[in-house]
N, C-alpha and C. Protein backbone atom coordinates (compact mmCIF):
# COMPACT_ATOMS: atom_id res chain seq x y z
N MET A 1 30.77 9.66 -32.42
CA MET A 1 32.35 9.90 -32.23
C MET A 1 32.17 10.49 -30.69
N TRP A 2 31.78 11.52 -30.47
CA TRP A 2 31.84 12.34 -29.39
C TRP A 2 31.09 11.67 -28.00
N ARG A 3 30.29 11.00 -28.48
CA ARG A 3 29.51 10.00 -27.17
C ARG A 3 31.00 8.92 -26.98
N THR A 4 31.43 8.40 -28.01
CA THR A 4 32.31 7.36 -27.27
C THR A 4 33.54 8.00 -26.81
N LEU A 5 33.82 9.03 -27.14
CA LEU A 5 35.02 9.72 -26.14
C LEU A 5 34.66 9.99 -25.00
N ALA A 6 33.45 10.63 -24.92
CA ALA A 6 32.99 10.81 -23.54
C ALA A 6 32.84 9.73 -22.41
N VAL A 7 32.53 8.77 -23.14
CA VAL A 7 32.40 7.05 -22.70
C VAL A 7 33.63 6.68 -22.03
N ALA A 8 34.76 6.81 -23.01
CA ALA A 8 35.95 6.31 -22.73
C ALA A 8 36.61 7.38 -21.66
N SER A 9 36.42 8.75 -21.59
CA SER A 9 37.09 9.67 -20.68
C SER A 9 36.45 9.37 -19.26
N ALA A 10 35.49 8.76 -19.17
CA ALA A 10 34.98 8.35 -17.89
C ALA A 10 35.31 6.85 -17.42
N PHE A 11 34.95 6.10 -18.55
CA PHE A 11 35.25 4.55 -18.36
C PHE A 11 37.06 4.33 -17.81
N PHE A 12 37.93 4.56 -18.54
CA PHE A 12 39.15 4.32 -18.05
C PHE A 12 39.53 5.04 -16.91
N PRO A 13 39.59 6.39 -16.45
CA PRO A 13 39.87 6.65 -15.25
C PRO A 13 39.13 6.09 -13.95
N GLY A 14 37.89 5.84 -14.44
CA GLY A 14 36.95 5.08 -13.36
C GLY A 14 37.79 3.79 -13.11
N LEU A 15 37.95 3.28 -14.14
CA LEU A 15 38.50 1.79 -13.88
C LEU A 15 40.05 1.80 -13.17
N PHE A 16 40.70 2.77 -13.42
CA PHE A 16 41.73 3.14 -12.80
C PHE A 16 41.68 3.34 -11.18
N ALA A 17 40.73 4.01 -10.79
CA ALA A 17 40.25 4.54 -9.43
C ALA A 17 39.85 3.16 -8.67
N LEU A 18 39.09 2.46 -9.61
CA LEU A 18 38.35 1.34 -8.85
C LEU A 18 39.48 0.36 -8.60
N CYS A 19 40.38 0.17 -9.58
CA CYS A 19 41.70 -0.90 -9.14
C CYS A 19 42.67 -0.23 -7.91
N VAL A 20 42.75 0.96 -7.79
CA VAL A 20 43.31 1.44 -6.63
C VAL A 20 42.59 1.10 -5.47
N ARG A 21 41.54 1.49 -5.46
CA ARG A 21 40.55 1.19 -4.19
C ARG A 21 40.32 -0.20 -3.84
N THR A 22 40.25 -1.26 -4.97
CA THR A 22 40.15 -2.54 -4.62
C THR A 22 41.51 -3.08 -4.22
N LEU A 23 42.59 -2.63 -4.64
CA LEU A 23 43.85 -3.08 -4.22
C LEU A 23 44.22 -2.62 -2.90
N ARG A 24 43.71 -1.48 -2.48
CA ARG A 24 43.85 -0.89 -1.01
C ARG A 24 43.21 -2.12 -0.09
N TRP A 25 41.97 -2.36 -0.70
CA TRP A 25 41.29 -3.38 0.22
C TRP A 25 41.85 -4.99 0.16
N ALA A 26 42.35 -5.37 -1.11
CA ALA A 26 42.89 -6.55 -1.31
C ALA A 26 44.16 -6.99 -0.55
N ALA A 27 44.92 -5.66 -0.71
CA ALA A 27 46.41 -5.89 -0.36
C ALA A 27 46.79 -4.69 0.49
N PRO A 28 46.26 -4.54 1.73
CA PRO A 28 46.72 -3.42 2.58
C PRO A 28 48.16 -3.15 2.97
N GLY A 29 48.97 -4.29 2.92
CA GLY A 29 50.42 -3.99 2.91
C GLY A 29 51.17 -3.14 1.77
N TRP A 30 50.52 -3.01 0.79
CA TRP A 30 51.46 -2.55 -0.37
C TRP A 30 51.18 -0.99 -0.28
N SER A 31 52.33 -0.56 -0.99
CA SER A 31 52.46 1.14 -0.79
C SER A 31 51.38 1.58 -1.81
N LEU A 32 51.30 3.13 -1.63
CA LEU A 32 50.29 3.46 -2.73
C LEU A 32 51.25 3.32 -4.25
N LYS A 33 52.22 3.76 -4.02
CA LYS A 33 52.97 3.32 -5.51
C LYS A 33 52.83 2.10 -6.06
N ASP A 34 52.89 1.11 -5.33
CA ASP A 34 52.71 -0.33 -5.75
C ASP A 34 51.34 -0.42 -6.24
N ARG A 35 50.46 -0.08 -5.65
CA ARG A 35 48.92 0.21 -6.07
C ARG A 35 48.66 0.67 -7.41
N VAL A 36 49.11 2.02 -7.71
CA VAL A 36 49.07 2.91 -8.72
C VAL A 36 49.67 2.16 -9.94
N LEU A 37 50.94 1.71 -9.56
CA LEU A 37 51.66 0.88 -10.88
C LEU A 37 50.91 -0.03 -11.33
N LEU A 38 50.45 -1.13 -10.34
CA LEU A 38 49.57 -2.11 -10.84
C LEU A 38 48.25 -1.65 -11.48
N SER A 39 47.80 -0.90 -10.90
CA SER A 39 46.46 -0.51 -11.65
C SER A 39 46.77 0.41 -13.01
N GLY A 40 47.92 0.99 -13.11
CA GLY A 40 48.04 1.62 -14.39
C GLY A 40 48.16 0.33 -15.47
N ARG A 41 48.86 -0.45 -14.92
CA ARG A 41 49.21 -1.85 -15.84
C ARG A 41 47.81 -2.63 -16.19
N LEU A 42 47.19 -2.76 -15.30
CA LEU A 42 45.79 -3.15 -15.52
C LEU A 42 44.93 -2.37 -16.65
N VAL A 43 45.02 -1.23 -16.33
CA VAL A 43 44.17 -0.27 -17.26
C VAL A 43 44.76 -0.49 -18.98
N SER A 44 45.98 -0.42 -18.72
CA SER A 44 46.88 -0.67 -20.02
C SER A 44 46.29 -2.03 -20.68
N THR A 45 46.36 -2.94 -20.05
CA THR A 45 46.08 -4.38 -20.40
C THR A 45 44.79 -4.40 -20.99
N VAL A 46 43.46 -3.69 -20.41
CA VAL A 46 42.38 -3.41 -20.88
C VAL A 46 42.20 -2.69 -22.25
N GLN A 47 42.99 -1.36 -22.25
CA GLN A 47 43.25 -0.74 -23.35
C GLN A 47 43.56 -1.67 -24.59
N ALA A 48 44.71 -2.17 -24.35
CA ALA A 48 45.48 -3.03 -25.47
C ALA A 48 44.47 -4.24 -26.16
N THR A 49 43.81 -4.85 -25.10
CA THR A 49 42.69 -6.12 -25.39
C THR A 49 41.73 -5.38 -26.30
N MET A 50 41.05 -4.14 -25.70
CA MET A 50 40.19 -3.49 -26.58
C MET A 50 40.48 -3.30 -27.88
N ALA A 51 41.76 -2.71 -27.95
CA ALA A 51 42.17 -2.27 -29.38
C ALA A 51 42.49 -3.59 -30.27
N THR A 52 42.95 -4.56 -29.64
CA THR A 52 43.36 -5.39 -30.41
C THR A 52 41.81 -6.39 -30.81
N VAL A 53 41.23 -6.39 -30.05
CA VAL A 53 39.59 -6.86 -30.56
C VAL A 53 38.90 -6.06 -31.97
N SER A 54 39.09 -4.91 -31.48
CA SER A 54 38.61 -3.82 -32.76
C SER A 54 39.34 -4.00 -33.90
N GLY A 55 40.36 -4.00 -33.81
CA GLY A 55 41.29 -4.32 -34.99
C GLY A 55 41.14 -5.74 -35.67
N LEU A 56 41.10 -6.87 -34.84
CA LEU A 56 40.58 -8.09 -35.51
C LEU A 56 39.23 -7.91 -36.12
N THR A 57 38.38 -7.13 -35.33
CA THR A 57 36.99 -7.17 -35.86
C THR A 57 36.81 -6.46 -37.41
N VAL A 58 37.88 -5.39 -37.42
CA VAL A 58 37.82 -4.75 -38.70
C VAL A 58 38.56 -5.76 -39.72
N VAL A 59 39.47 -6.34 -39.55
CA VAL A 59 40.18 -7.04 -40.47
C VAL A 59 39.48 -8.26 -41.02
N LEU A 60 38.67 -8.90 -39.87
CA LEU A 60 38.10 -10.04 -40.19
C LEU A 60 36.54 -9.67 -40.97
N SER A 61 36.13 -8.50 -40.81
CA SER A 61 34.71 -8.09 -41.61
C SER A 61 35.15 -7.43 -42.82
N CYS A 62 36.30 -7.28 -43.39
CA CYS A 62 36.86 -6.76 -44.70
C CYS A 62 37.16 -7.68 -45.41
N GLU A 63 36.57 -7.87 -46.77
CA GLU A 63 37.08 -8.75 -47.63
C GLU A 63 38.34 -8.31 -48.34
N ASP A 64 38.40 -7.17 -48.62
CA ASP A 64 39.77 -6.24 -48.92
C ASP A 64 40.13 -5.38 -48.03
N VAL A 65 41.05 -5.41 -47.01
CA VAL A 65 41.46 -4.69 -46.11
C VAL A 65 41.98 -3.14 -46.57
N VAL A 66 42.84 -3.38 -47.88
CA VAL A 66 43.28 -2.21 -48.03
C VAL A 66 42.34 -1.25 -49.05
N HIS A 67 41.17 -1.71 -49.34
CA HIS A 67 40.27 -0.96 -50.43
C HIS A 67 39.13 -0.86 -49.43
N ASP A 68 38.74 -1.57 -48.43
CA ASP A 68 37.24 -1.48 -48.09
C ASP A 68 37.25 -0.47 -46.92
N ARG A 69 36.14 0.28 -46.76
CA ARG A 69 36.06 1.31 -45.90
C ARG A 69 34.81 0.99 -44.93
């Protein structure tokens, strides 16, 4: 569990920084505020997608969702 926390603590801020830098190159006319806003939304989308996939995996792998562990 600690390894997962450490990887996520590096992955998501790294993804955010990568998005900000990529948008600086891809859209040089945008302000920093716009790049930060879009980068935050992109990272949130990735987090939501990963959470949804995790939940679906758990639900589909359990026969009885209430009592299985």
